[in-house]
Structure formats: C-alpha cells, structure tokens
Amino acid sequence: MDEFYALSQITITIAGFAALFSILKPQKGEWKDIDNINLVRFYMMIELACIVSIFSYLPVILLGYFSNEITFRLSFGILFIIYNIFAIKRVKKRMKIWRAGRGAKLFLLIIMMLLLLFEFLGAINCLGSNYKTNYLIALFSKFILNIYFFIRLIHFSTRQQ
C-alpha cells in the first residue's frame, strides 16, 4: 500500500508548487482572459489533487473492513460517483478552459471519458482480478491529467504576450 501513500504525497506536492507558482507570478495591470483560464486550470489541479489524495487513502481504510476484491470494487465505485458529481457540478467553470483550442478540448474530453469508463468497469468487476493494480492505474491516470494541467499552467503563465 506504500504506492498509494507515495502517489498521494506527490500529487499534493505538485498542487502546492502550482499554488506557489500561481500566487508568486507578478501581475501587472488588469486581468486578461488567459489569467482567468489559468485560474480555472489551477482550480482543476487542486480538485484533481484532492481527489487523488483522498482516494489513495480510501482502499487503505476499507481494507480493514472488507476483503481485497470488495475494497477495490467499492473504491472504484465511490471514485466513479464522486468524480462524476464534481464533473457535473463544475462544468460551467471548466468550460472556460475550452478556449484553449479544439485539439485540447478533444484531447481532454477523450481522456476524461476513458477514465470514467475505466472506473465504471472497475466498479462492476470487468477488469479482471488485478484489483489493486487497476485502481492504481485509475488514480495514476488522474495524476497524469493533473501533471498535464500543471505543464499547461506553467507554459501559458510564462510565455510572453
């Protein structure tokens, strides 16, 4: 279970660097559209970091009460439901990020749908008996998405206008 602890700590560290980067960036004059988009990216990074961190510890807690299979299937199901609630609730704020271009929009839409499908299949036990590995793949995929937002945040914050 050490890999879950490590993933949680690394995710929070990346979110902390993003927070420092966003706060310490000097702002001159008025806020531009790109600044608003970067704030949405930052918000999504914090949301993904919290989801990955919380759900990294969920199987550790549930393993004390349930068997290995039930623990990871329940973790997949809760992750699927909670992430969908966040996705539906935050859709208006997230739509600001789609100004980045059609390629980014299509990329993120495909990745998010694949992640949701993977989580659903894990919850209904269609991914085989590698429960821990499959759950770790789901969390690691969200972590990679978080890294993507971090790179985009740095790129669009540091480039010259």
Protein backbone atom coordinates (compact mmCIF):
# COMPACT_ATOMS: atom_id res chain seq x y z
CA MET A 1 0.00 0.00 0.00
CA ASP A 2 3.05 2.26 0.00
CA GLU A 3 2.42 3.21 -3.62
CA PHE A 4 -0.89 4.80 -2.60
CA TYR A 5 0.85 6.88 0.07
CA ALA A 6 3.54 7.96 -2.38
CA LEU A 7 1.03 8.91 -5.08
CA SER A 8 -0.93 10.98 -2.60
CA GLN A 9 2.16 12.83 -1.39
CA ILE A 10 3.45 13.53 -4.90
CA THR A 11 0.04 14.82 -6.01
CA ILE A 12 -0.20 17.23 -3.10
CA THR A 13 3.36 18.40 -3.77
CA ILE A 14 2.54 19.20 -7.41
CA ALA A 15 -0.60 21.08 -6.34
CA GLY A 16 1.48 23.02 -3.81
CA PHE A 17 4.02 24.01 -6.46
CA ALA A 18 1.16 25.11 -8.71
CA ALA A 19 -0.26 27.21 -5.91
CA LEU A 20 3.10 28.85 -5.26
CA PHE A 21 3.63 29.39 -8.95
CA SER A 22 0.19 30.99 -9.37
CA ILE A 23 0.48 33.19 -6.28
CA LEU A 24 4.04 34.38 -6.84
CA LYS A 25 3.55 35.22 -10.51
CA PRO A 26 3.76 39.01 -10.77
CA GLN A 27 0.57 40.58 -12.08
CA LYS A 28 0.81 43.88 -13.91
CA GLY A 29 -2.27 45.83 -14.86
CA GLU A 30 -5.63 44.23 -15.49
CA TRP A 31 -6.56 40.59 -15.58
CA LYS A 32 -6.61 39.16 -19.08
CA ASP A 33 -8.59 36.22 -20.43
CA ILE A 34 -5.53 33.99 -20.19
CA ASP A 35 -5.27 34.79 -16.48
CA ASN A 36 -8.86 33.66 -15.97
CA ILE A 37 -8.18 30.44 -17.90
CA ASN A 38 -5.07 29.83 -15.78
CA LEU A 39 -7.18 30.23 -12.64
CA VAL A 40 -9.55 27.57 -13.97
CA ARG A 41 -6.59 25.30 -14.70
CA PHE A 42 -5.30 25.90 -11.19
CA TYR A 43 -8.74 25.14 -9.74
CA MET A 44 -8.92 21.88 -11.68
CA MET A 45 -5.43 20.94 -10.50
CA ILE A 46 -6.44 21.44 -6.87
CA GLU A 47 -9.63 19.44 -7.43
CA LEU A 48 -7.77 16.55 -9.09
CA ALA A 49 -5.07 16.62 -6.40
CA CYS A 50 -7.68 16.37 -3.66
CA ILE A 51 -9.49 13.55 -5.43
CA VAL A 52 -6.28 11.57 -6.00
CA SER A 53 -5.08 12.13 -2.43
CA ILE A 54 -8.35 11.20 -0.76
CA PHE A 55 -8.91 8.17 -2.95
CA SER A 56 -5.33 6.99 -2.44
CA TYR A 57 -6.13 6.52 1.23
CA LEU A 58 -9.62 5.04 0.72
CA PRO A 59 -8.50 1.44 0.00
CA VAL A 60 -6.13 1.55 2.96
CA ILE A 61 -9.06 2.38 5.23
CA LEU A 62 -11.54 -0.01 3.63
CA LEU A 63 -9.09 -2.91 3.64
CA GLY A 64 -9.52 -3.13 7.40
CA TYR A 65 -13.23 -3.89 6.97
CA PHE A 66 -13.63 -5.72 3.65
CA SER A 67 -11.88 -8.29 1.50
CA ASN A 68 -9.41 -7.26 -1.19
CA GLU A 69 -11.95 -7.55 -4.04
CA ILE A 70 -14.74 -5.69 -2.26
CA THR A 71 -12.34 -2.97 -1.09
CA PHE A 72 -11.14 -2.06 -4.58
CA ARG A 73 -14.53 -2.50 -6.26
CA LEU A 74 -16.08 -0.22 -3.65
CA SER A 75 -13.21 2.26 -4.08
CA PHE A 76 -13.75 2.23 -7.87
CA GLY A 77 -17.49 2.79 -7.42
CA ILE A 78 -17.08 5.66 -4.97
CA LEU A 79 -14.41 7.24 -7.18
CA PHE A 80 -16.71 6.96 -10.21
CA ILE A 81 -19.68 8.54 -8.39
CA ILE A 82 -17.75 11.34 -6.65
CA TYR A 83 -15.77 12.28 -9.75
CA ASN A 84 -18.97 12.44 -11.80
CA ILE A 85 -20.54 14.72 -9.19
CA PHE A 86 -17.54 17.04 -9.36
CA ALA A 87 -17.54 16.93 -13.17
CA ILE A 88 -21.24 17.78 -13.43
CA LYS A 89 -21.15 20.42 -10.70
CA ARG A 90 -18.12 22.20 -12.12
CA VAL A 91 -18.98 22.03 -15.82
CA LYS A 92 -19.66 25.77 -16.16
CA LYS A 93 -16.36 26.75 -14.59
CA ARG A 94 -14.48 24.16 -16.62
CA MET A 95 -15.92 25.35 -19.91
CA LYS A 96 -13.67 28.40 -19.72
CA ILE A 97 -10.70 26.16 -20.35
CA TRP A 98 -12.08 25.10 -23.72
CA ARG A 99 -10.94 28.42 -25.17
CA ALA A 100 -7.53 26.81 -25.43
CA GLY A 101 -8.40 25.23 -28.78
CA ARG A 102 -10.17 22.33 -30.39
CA GLY A 103 -7.22 19.97 -30.06
CA ALA A 104 -7.00 20.46 -26.28
CA LYS A 105 -10.78 20.18 -25.97
CA LEU A 106 -10.90 16.91 -27.88
CA PHE A 107 -7.88 15.51 -26.02
CA LEU A 108 -9.32 16.27 -22.58
CA LEU A 109 -12.78 15.04 -23.50
CA ILE A 110 -11.45 11.70 -24.74
CA ILE A 111 -9.18 11.26 -21.70
CA MET A 112 -11.96 12.07 -19.24
CA MET A 113 -14.41 9.69 -20.94
CA LEU A 114 -11.82 6.90 -20.97
CA LEU A 115 -11.12 7.46 -17.27
CA LEU A 116 -14.81 7.35 -16.42
CA LEU A 117 -15.27 4.17 -18.47
CA PHE A 118 -12.27 2.56 -16.76
CA GLU A 119 -13.64 3.47 -13.31
CA PHE A 120 -17.09 2.13 -14.18
CA LEU A 121 -15.64 -1.14 -15.48
CA GLY A 122 -13.58 -1.46 -12.32
CA ALA A 123 -16.64 -0.93 -10.15
CA ILE A 124 -18.63 -3.66 -11.90
CA ASN A 125 -15.64 -6.04 -11.88
CA CYS A 126 -14.93 -6.27 -15.62
CA LEU A 127 -11.20 -5.60 -15.40
CA GLY A 128 -10.04 -8.91 -14.01
CA SER A 129 -8.59 -9.88 -10.67
CA ASN A 130 -5.78 -7.31 -10.52
CA TYR A 131 -7.84 -5.01 -8.32
CA LYS A 132 -5.02 -3.08 -6.71
CA THR A 133 -3.15 -2.54 -9.97
CA ASN A 134 -6.28 -1.42 -11.83
CA TYR A 135 -7.23 1.02 -9.09
CA LEU A 136 -3.70 2.38 -9.02
CA ILE A 137 -3.84 2.85 -12.81
CA ALA A 138 -7.07 4.87 -12.42
CA LEU A 139 -5.52 7.12 -9.79
CA PHE A 140 -2.26 7.43 -11.71
CA SER A 141 -4.21 8.47 -14.82
CA LYS A 142 -5.80 11.30 -12.86
CA PHE A 143 -2.35 12.20 -11.60
CA ILE A 144 -1.06 12.38 -15.19
CA LEU A 145 -4.00 14.62 -16.07
CA ASN A 146 -3.00 16.82 -13.15
CA ILE A 147 0.56 16.99 -14.48
CA TYR A 148 -0.85 17.98 -17.88
CA PHE A 149 -2.69 20.91 -16.29
CA PHE A 150 0.46 21.85 -14.38
CA ILE A 151 2.53 21.96 -17.57
CA ARG A 152 -0.17 23.98 -19.35
CA LEU A 153 -0.34 26.37 -16.40
CA ILE A 154 3.41 26.94 -16.48
CA HIS A 155 3.50 27.27 -20.27
CA PHE A 156 0.73 29.82 -20.52
CA SER A 157 1.83 31.76 -17.44
CA THR A 158 5.44 32.23 -18.51
CA ARG A 159 5.08 32.91 -22.21
CA GLN A 160 5.38 36.44 -23.47
CA GLN A 161 2.20 38.12 -24.67
